[in-house]
Amino acid sequence: MSMPDDQYRKKLKNAAEFLLRGGTLLSEPCSKCSGIQVRKDNEIQCIICGNITLPENNTTTTQVEKIVDDNNIDQLRAKIRKRLNDLINSTGSDKNLIEEEQRLRVIDIYLNILEKIKLLD
């Protein structure tokens, strides 16, 4: 991760605020980094890279976004677990402590998402 620590914290904070204010996890991955996205008030944000997408109009919103439902929660859970495994395996491999701290924050966010998914079951 090459973005400055302050920018990364701001993006993670915004994503957390999206979820706390009723944001929805999306099954569609980010087009830039394949990260998990959240949607709130027709704004879609990647929780990893912070990429923000605004749907062009409301009629395409349902075509572009697939909201997490019972049919694909297992798929989302598996994707998060795989990414967690990759992140955990690479923990400690960086000499750059800022990148290591960012990786640990992403792990924490993924764990929080898994807890929220568990509440849906």
N, C-alpha and C. Protein backbone atom coordinates (compact mmCIF):
# COMPACT_ATOMS: atom_id res chain seq x y z
N MET A 1 0.85 -1.16 0.00
CA MET A 1 0.00 0.00 0.00
C MET A 1 0.89 1.23 0.00
N SER A 2 0.67 2.07 -0.95
CA SER A 2 1.60 3.16 -1.12
C SER A 2 1.03 4.52 -0.74
N MET A 3 -0.22 4.60 -0.34
CA MET A 3 -0.78 5.90 0.00
C MET A 3 -0.33 6.33 1.39
N PRO A 4 -0.24 7.65 1.63
CA PRO A 4 0.16 8.14 2.95
C PRO A 4 -0.82 7.67 4.02
N ASP A 5 -0.29 7.51 5.21
CA ASP A 5 -1.05 6.99 6.33
C ASP A 5 -2.31 7.81 6.62
N ASP A 6 -2.22 9.13 6.58
CA ASP A 6 -3.37 9.98 6.87
C ASP A 6 -4.50 9.76 5.87
N GLN A 7 -4.16 9.65 4.60
CA GLN A 7 -5.18 9.41 3.58
C GLN A 7 -5.85 8.06 3.80
N TYR A 8 -5.04 7.06 4.10
CA TYR A 8 -5.57 5.71 4.32
C TYR A 8 -6.53 5.70 5.50
N ARG A 9 -6.14 6.35 6.60
CA ARG A 9 -7.01 6.42 7.79
C ARG A 9 -8.32 7.11 7.46
N LYS A 10 -8.26 8.19 6.70
CA LYS A 10 -9.46 8.93 6.34
C LYS A 10 -10.41 8.05 5.52
N LYS A 11 -9.86 7.31 4.57
CA LYS A 11 -10.69 6.45 3.73
C LYS A 11 -11.32 5.31 4.54
N LEU A 12 -10.55 4.72 5.45
CA LEU A 12 -11.10 3.66 6.29
C LEU A 12 -12.19 4.21 7.21
N LYS A 13 -11.95 5.40 7.74
CA LYS A 13 -12.94 6.04 8.62
C LYS A 13 -14.23 6.31 7.85
N ASN A 14 -14.11 6.82 6.62
CA ASN A 14 -15.29 7.09 5.80
C ASN A 14 -16.06 5.80 5.52
N ALA A 15 -15.35 4.73 5.20
CA ALA A 15 -16.01 3.45 4.92
C ALA A 15 -16.74 2.94 6.17
N ALA A 16 -16.10 3.05 7.32
CA ALA A 16 -16.73 2.63 8.58
C ALA A 16 -17.98 3.47 8.85
N GLU A 17 -17.89 4.76 8.58
CA GLU A 17 -19.05 5.64 8.77
C GLU A 17 -20.18 5.25 7.83
N PHE A 18 -19.85 4.85 6.60
CA PHE A 18 -20.87 4.39 5.66
C PHE A 18 -21.65 3.24 6.29
N LEU A 19 -20.93 2.26 6.83
CA LEU A 19 -21.59 1.09 7.42
C LEU A 19 -22.39 1.47 8.66
N LEU A 20 -21.83 2.32 9.49
CA LEU A 20 -22.53 2.73 10.71
C LEU A 20 -23.79 3.53 10.41
N ARG A 21 -23.80 4.27 9.31
CA ARG A 21 -24.97 5.08 8.93
C ARG A 21 -25.92 4.30 8.03
N GLY A 22 -25.78 3.00 7.99
CA GLY A 22 -26.71 2.19 7.22
C GLY A 22 -26.21 1.80 5.85
N GLY A 23 -24.93 1.92 5.62
CA GLY A 23 -24.36 1.51 4.35
C GLY A 23 -24.53 0.02 4.13
N THR A 24 -24.45 -0.38 2.88
CA THR A 24 -24.66 -1.77 2.51
C THR A 24 -23.41 -2.33 1.86
N LEU A 25 -23.01 -3.52 2.27
CA LEU A 25 -21.90 -4.20 1.62
C LEU A 25 -22.35 -4.66 0.24
N LEU A 26 -21.50 -4.50 -0.73
CA LEU A 26 -21.83 -4.91 -2.09
C LEU A 26 -21.01 -6.13 -2.48
N SER A 27 -21.58 -6.95 -3.35
CA SER A 27 -20.86 -8.14 -3.80
C SER A 27 -19.93 -7.82 -4.96
N GLU A 28 -20.17 -6.72 -5.65
CA GLU A 28 -19.31 -6.33 -6.76
C GLU A 28 -17.98 -5.80 -6.24
N PRO A 29 -16.86 -6.33 -6.69
CA PRO A 29 -15.56 -5.84 -6.22
C PRO A 29 -15.21 -4.49 -6.85
N CYS A 30 -14.32 -3.78 -6.21
CA CYS A 30 -13.82 -2.51 -6.73
C CYS A 30 -13.14 -2.74 -8.08
N SER A 31 -13.39 -1.86 -9.02
CA SER A 31 -12.79 -2.01 -10.34
C SER A 31 -11.30 -1.69 -10.34
N LYS A 32 -10.82 -0.97 -9.31
CA LYS A 32 -9.40 -0.62 -9.26
C LYS A 32 -8.56 -1.66 -8.52
N CYS A 33 -9.05 -2.12 -7.35
CA CYS A 33 -8.20 -3.00 -6.53
C CYS A 33 -8.86 -4.33 -6.16
N SER A 34 -10.09 -4.55 -6.61
CA SER A 34 -10.87 -5.76 -6.29
C SER A 34 -11.24 -5.84 -4.82
N GLY A 35 -11.19 -4.71 -4.12
CA GLY A 35 -11.57 -4.67 -2.71
C GLY A 35 -13.08 -4.70 -2.54
N ILE A 36 -13.50 -4.83 -1.31
CA ILE A 36 -14.93 -4.86 -0.98
C ILE A 36 -15.45 -3.43 -0.91
N GLN A 37 -16.67 -3.24 -1.45
CA GLN A 37 -17.26 -1.92 -1.52
C GLN A 37 -18.49 -1.82 -0.63
N VAL A 38 -18.81 -0.58 -0.22
CA VAL A 38 -20.03 -0.29 0.50
C VAL A 38 -20.80 0.78 -0.27
N ARG A 39 -22.14 0.76 -0.11
CA ARG A 39 -22.99 1.74 -0.78
C ARG A 39 -23.80 2.48 0.26
N LYS A 40 -23.87 3.80 0.12
CA LYS A 40 -24.69 4.65 0.98
C LYS A 40 -25.10 5.86 0.17
N ASP A 41 -26.39 6.14 0.12
CA ASP A 41 -26.92 7.32 -0.59
C ASP A 41 -26.39 7.42 -2.02
N ASN A 42 -26.48 6.34 -2.76
CA ASN A 42 -26.02 6.28 -4.16
C ASN A 42 -24.54 6.59 -4.33
N GLU A 43 -23.76 6.45 -3.28
CA GLU A 43 -22.31 6.59 -3.38
C GLU A 43 -21.69 5.26 -3.01
N ILE A 44 -20.82 4.78 -3.86
CA ILE A 44 -20.16 3.49 -3.63
C ILE A 44 -18.70 3.76 -3.35
N GLN A 45 -18.20 3.17 -2.23
CA GLN A 45 -16.80 3.40 -1.86
C GLN A 45 -16.12 2.08 -1.55
N CYS A 46 -14.90 1.93 -2.08
CA CYS A 46 -14.08 0.76 -1.78
C CYS A 46 -13.44 0.98 -0.41
N ILE A 47 -13.50 -0.03 0.46
CA ILE A 47 -12.92 0.14 1.79
C ILE A 47 -11.41 -0.03 1.79
N ILE A 48 -10.85 -0.50 0.68
CA ILE A 48 -9.40 -0.69 0.62
C ILE A 48 -8.72 0.53 -0.02
N CYS A 49 -9.09 0.84 -1.25
CA CYS A 49 -8.40 1.93 -1.96
C CYS A 49 -9.13 3.26 -1.87
N GLY A 50 -10.38 3.24 -1.37
CA GLY A 50 -11.12 4.49 -1.23
C GLY A 50 -11.77 4.98 -2.51
N ASN A 51 -11.69 4.21 -3.58
CA ASN A 51 -12.30 4.60 -4.85
C ASN A 51 -13.79 4.86 -4.65
N ILE A 52 -14.25 6.03 -5.09
CA ILE A 52 -15.65 6.40 -4.95
C ILE A 52 -16.30 6.42 -6.33
N THR A 53 -17.46 5.77 -6.42
CA THR A 53 -18.20 5.70 -7.67
C THR A 53 -19.60 6.25 -7.43
N LEU A 54 -20.04 7.10 -8.31
CA LEU A 54 -21.40 7.61 -8.27
C LEU A 54 -22.15 7.05 -9.46
N PRO A 55 -23.21 6.28 -9.24
CA PRO A 55 -23.98 5.76 -10.37
C PRO A 55 -24.49 6.91 -11.24
N GLU A 56 -24.53 6.68 -12.54
CA GLU A 56 -24.95 7.73 -13.47
C GLU A 56 -26.41 8.11 -13.28
N ASN A 57 -27.25 7.13 -13.05
CA ASN A 57 -28.65 7.42 -12.74
C ASN A 57 -29.23 6.27 -11.95
N ASN A 58 -30.38 6.46 -11.37
CA ASN A 58 -30.97 5.46 -10.49
C ASN A 58 -31.38 4.19 -11.22
N THR A 59 -31.65 4.27 -12.51
CA THR A 59 -32.06 3.06 -13.23
C THR A 59 -30.90 2.09 -13.42
N THR A 60 -29.67 2.60 -13.49
CA THR A 60 -28.54 1.70 -13.66
C THR A 60 -28.00 1.19 -12.32
N THR A 61 -28.44 1.78 -11.22
CA THR A 61 -27.92 1.39 -9.91
C THR A 61 -28.13 -0.09 -9.66
N THR A 62 -29.33 -0.60 -9.95
CA THR A 62 -29.59 -2.02 -9.70
C THR A 62 -28.82 -2.91 -10.66
N GLN A 63 -28.49 -2.41 -11.83
CA GLN A 63 -27.71 -3.19 -12.78
C GLN A 63 -26.24 -3.24 -12.39
N VAL A 64 -25.71 -2.14 -11.86
CA VAL A 64 -24.30 -2.04 -11.53
C VAL A 64 -24.01 -2.72 -10.20
N GLU A 65 -24.88 -2.55 -9.23
CA GLU A 65 -24.64 -3.05 -7.87
C GLU A 65 -25.48 -4.30 -7.62
N LYS A 66 -24.85 -5.28 -7.00
CA LYS A 66 -25.59 -6.44 -6.53
C LYS A 66 -25.45 -6.44 -5.01
N ILE A 67 -26.53 -6.09 -4.33
CA ILE A 67 -26.49 -5.99 -2.88
C ILE A 67 -26.38 -7.39 -2.29
N VAL A 68 -25.59 -7.49 -1.24
CA VAL A 68 -25.38 -8.77 -0.58
C VAL A 68 -26.71 -9.30 -0.06
N ASP A 69 -27.07 -10.50 -0.43
CA ASP A 69 -28.28 -11.13 0.06
C ASP A 69 -27.95 -12.55 0.52
N ASP A 70 -28.95 -13.28 0.88
CA ASP A 70 -28.74 -14.64 1.40
C ASP A 70 -28.02 -15.54 0.40
N ASN A 71 -28.22 -15.31 -0.89
CA ASN A 71 -27.63 -16.19 -1.90
C ASN A 71 -26.12 -16.01 -2.05
N ASN A 72 -25.59 -14.84 -1.73
CA ASN A 72 -24.15 -14.66 -1.94
C ASN A 72 -23.39 -14.26 -0.68
N ILE A 73 -24.01 -14.36 0.48
CA ILE A 73 -23.29 -14.09 1.73
C ILE A 73 -22.15 -15.08 1.90
N ASP A 74 -22.40 -16.34 1.58
CA ASP A 74 -21.34 -17.35 1.70
C ASP A 74 -20.17 -17.04 0.78
N GLN A 75 -20.47 -16.55 -0.41
CA GLN A 75 -19.42 -16.18 -1.36
C GLN A 75 -18.61 -15.00 -0.81
N LEU A 76 -19.28 -14.02 -0.25
CA LEU A 76 -18.60 -12.87 0.34
C LEU A 76 -17.74 -13.31 1.52
N ARG A 77 -18.31 -14.15 2.37
CA ARG A 77 -17.58 -14.65 3.53
C ARG A 77 -16.31 -15.39 3.09
N ALA A 78 -16.42 -16.21 2.05
CA ALA A 78 -15.26 -16.95 1.55
C ALA A 78 -14.21 -16.00 0.98
N LYS A 79 -14.66 -14.98 0.27
CA LYS A 79 -13.72 -14.02 -0.30
C LYS A 79 -12.97 -13.27 0.80
N ILE A 80 -13.70 -12.86 1.83
CA ILE A 80 -13.06 -12.16 2.94
C ILE A 80 -12.07 -13.07 3.65
N ARG A 81 -12.45 -14.31 3.87
CA ARG A 81 -11.54 -15.26 4.54
C ARG A 81 -10.27 -15.48 3.74
N LYS A 82 -10.41 -15.58 2.41
CA LYS A 82 -9.23 -15.75 1.56
C LYS A 82 -8.32 -14.53 1.66
N ARG A 83 -8.91 -13.34 1.58
CA ARG A 83 -8.11 -12.12 1.67
C ARG A 83 -7.48 -11.98 3.05
N LEU A 84 -8.22 -12.37 4.10
CA LEU A 84 -7.66 -12.35 5.45
C LEU A 84 -6.45 -13.28 5.53
N ASN A 85 -6.60 -14.46 4.98
CA ASN A 85 -5.50 -15.42 4.98
C ASN A 85 -4.27 -14.85 4.30
N ASP A 86 -4.48 -14.22 3.13
CA ASP A 86 -3.36 -13.61 2.40
C ASP A 86 -2.71 -12.49 3.23
N LEU A 87 -3.54 -11.65 3.83
CA LEU A 87 -3.02 -10.54 4.63
C LEU A 87 -2.26 -11.04 5.87
N ILE A 88 -2.83 -12.03 6.52
CA ILE A 88 -2.19 -12.58 7.73
C ILE A 88 -0.87 -13.23 7.39
N ASN A 89 -0.83 -13.97 6.26
CA ASN A 89 0.42 -14.61 5.85
C ASN A 89 1.51 -13.61 5.49
N SER A 90 1.10 -12.43 5.02
CA SER A 90 2.10 -11.42 4.66
C SER A 90 2.44 -10.48 5.81
N THR A 91 1.76 -10.61 6.94
CA THR A 91 2.06 -9.78 8.10
C THR A 91 3.46 -10.09 8.60
N GLY A 92 4.21 -9.04 8.86
CA GLY A 92 5.57 -9.20 9.34
C GLY A 92 6.61 -9.24 8.23
N SER A 93 6.14 -9.22 6.99
CA SER A 93 7.08 -9.30 5.87
C SER A 93 7.59 -7.92 5.44
N ASP A 94 6.93 -6.86 5.89
CA ASP A 94 7.33 -5.51 5.51
C ASP A 94 8.27 -4.91 6.54
N LYS A 95 9.27 -4.21 6.04
CA LYS A 95 10.12 -3.43 6.93
C LYS A 95 9.53 -2.05 7.12
N ASN A 96 8.58 -1.68 6.26
CA ASN A 96 7.89 -0.41 6.35
C ASN A 96 6.76 -0.54 7.37
N LEU A 97 6.91 0.09 8.51
CA LEU A 97 5.93 -0.06 9.58
C LEU A 97 4.59 0.58 9.25
N ILE A 98 4.58 1.60 8.42
CA ILE A 98 3.31 2.23 8.03
C ILE A 98 2.48 1.25 7.23
N GLU A 99 3.12 0.56 6.27
CA GLU A 99 2.39 -0.42 5.48
C GLU A 99 1.93 -1.59 6.35
N GLU A 100 2.75 -1.97 7.30
CA GLU A 100 2.37 -3.06 8.20
C GLU A 100 1.15 -2.65 9.04
N GLU A 101 1.16 -1.43 9.54
CA GLU A 101 0.04 -0.93 10.33
C GLU A 101 -1.23 -0.87 9.48
N GLN A 102 -1.11 -0.44 8.24
CA GLN A 102 -2.26 -0.39 7.34
C GLN A 102 -2.80 -1.80 7.09
N ARG A 103 -1.91 -2.74 6.90
CA ARG A 103 -2.33 -4.13 6.68
C ARG A 103 -3.11 -4.63 7.90
N LEU A 104 -2.63 -4.32 9.09
CA LEU A 104 -3.32 -4.75 10.31
C LEU A 104 -4.69 -4.10 10.44
N ARG A 105 -4.80 -2.84 10.02
CA ARG A 105 -6.10 -2.16 10.06
C ARG A 105 -7.09 -2.82 9.10
N VAL A 106 -6.61 -3.21 7.92
CA VAL A 106 -7.48 -3.88 6.96
C VAL A 106 -7.93 -5.22 7.53
N ILE A 107 -7.04 -5.94 8.18
CA ILE A 107 -7.41 -7.21 8.82
C ILE A 107 -8.52 -6.96 9.83
N ASP A 108 -8.38 -5.92 10.64
CA ASP A 108 -9.38 -5.59 11.65
C ASP A 108 -10.73 -5.28 10.99
N ILE A 109 -10.70 -4.53 9.90
CA ILE A 109 -11.95 -4.19 9.19
C ILE A 109 -12.61 -5.45 8.65
N TYR A 110 -11.82 -6.34 8.04
CA TYR A 110 -12.39 -7.58 7.52
C TYR A 110 -13.01 -8.41 8.65
N LEU A 111 -12.34 -8.47 9.80
CA LEU A 111 -12.90 -9.21 10.93
C LEU A 111 -14.22 -8.60 11.39
N ASN A 112 -14.29 -7.27 11.41
CA ASN A 112 -15.54 -6.60 11.78
C ASN A 112 -16.65 -6.90 10.78
N ILE A 113 -16.30 -6.94 9.51
CA ILE A 113 -17.30 -7.27 8.48
C ILE A 113 -17.80 -8.69 8.68
N LEU A 114 -16.89 -9.62 8.97
CA LEU A 114 -17.32 -11.00 9.21
C LEU A 114 -18.27 -11.08 10.41
N GLU A 115 -18.01 -10.28 11.44
CA GLU A 115 -18.92 -10.25 12.59
C GLU A 115 -20.29 -9.72 12.19
N LYS A 116 -20.34 -8.70 11.36
CA LYS A 116 -21.61 -8.15 10.91
C LYS A 116 -22.36 -9.13 10.02
N ILE A 117 -21.63 -9.87 9.20
CA ILE A 117 -22.26 -10.89 8.36
C ILE A 117 -22.86 -11.97 9.25
N LYS A 118 -22.15 -12.30 10.32
CA LYS A 118 -22.66 -13.33 11.24
C LYS A 118 -24.01 -12.91 11.83
N LEU A 119 -24.19 -11.61 12.07
CA LEU A 119 -25.45 -11.11 12.60
C LEU A 119 -26.60 -11.27 11.62
N LEU A 120 -26.28 -11.33 10.31
CA LEU A 120 -27.31 -11.51 9.29
C LEU A 120 -27.85 -12.93 9.25
N ASP A 121 -27.05 -13.88 9.74
CA ASP A 121 -27.45 -15.30 9.68
C ASP A 121 -28.61 -15.60 10.58
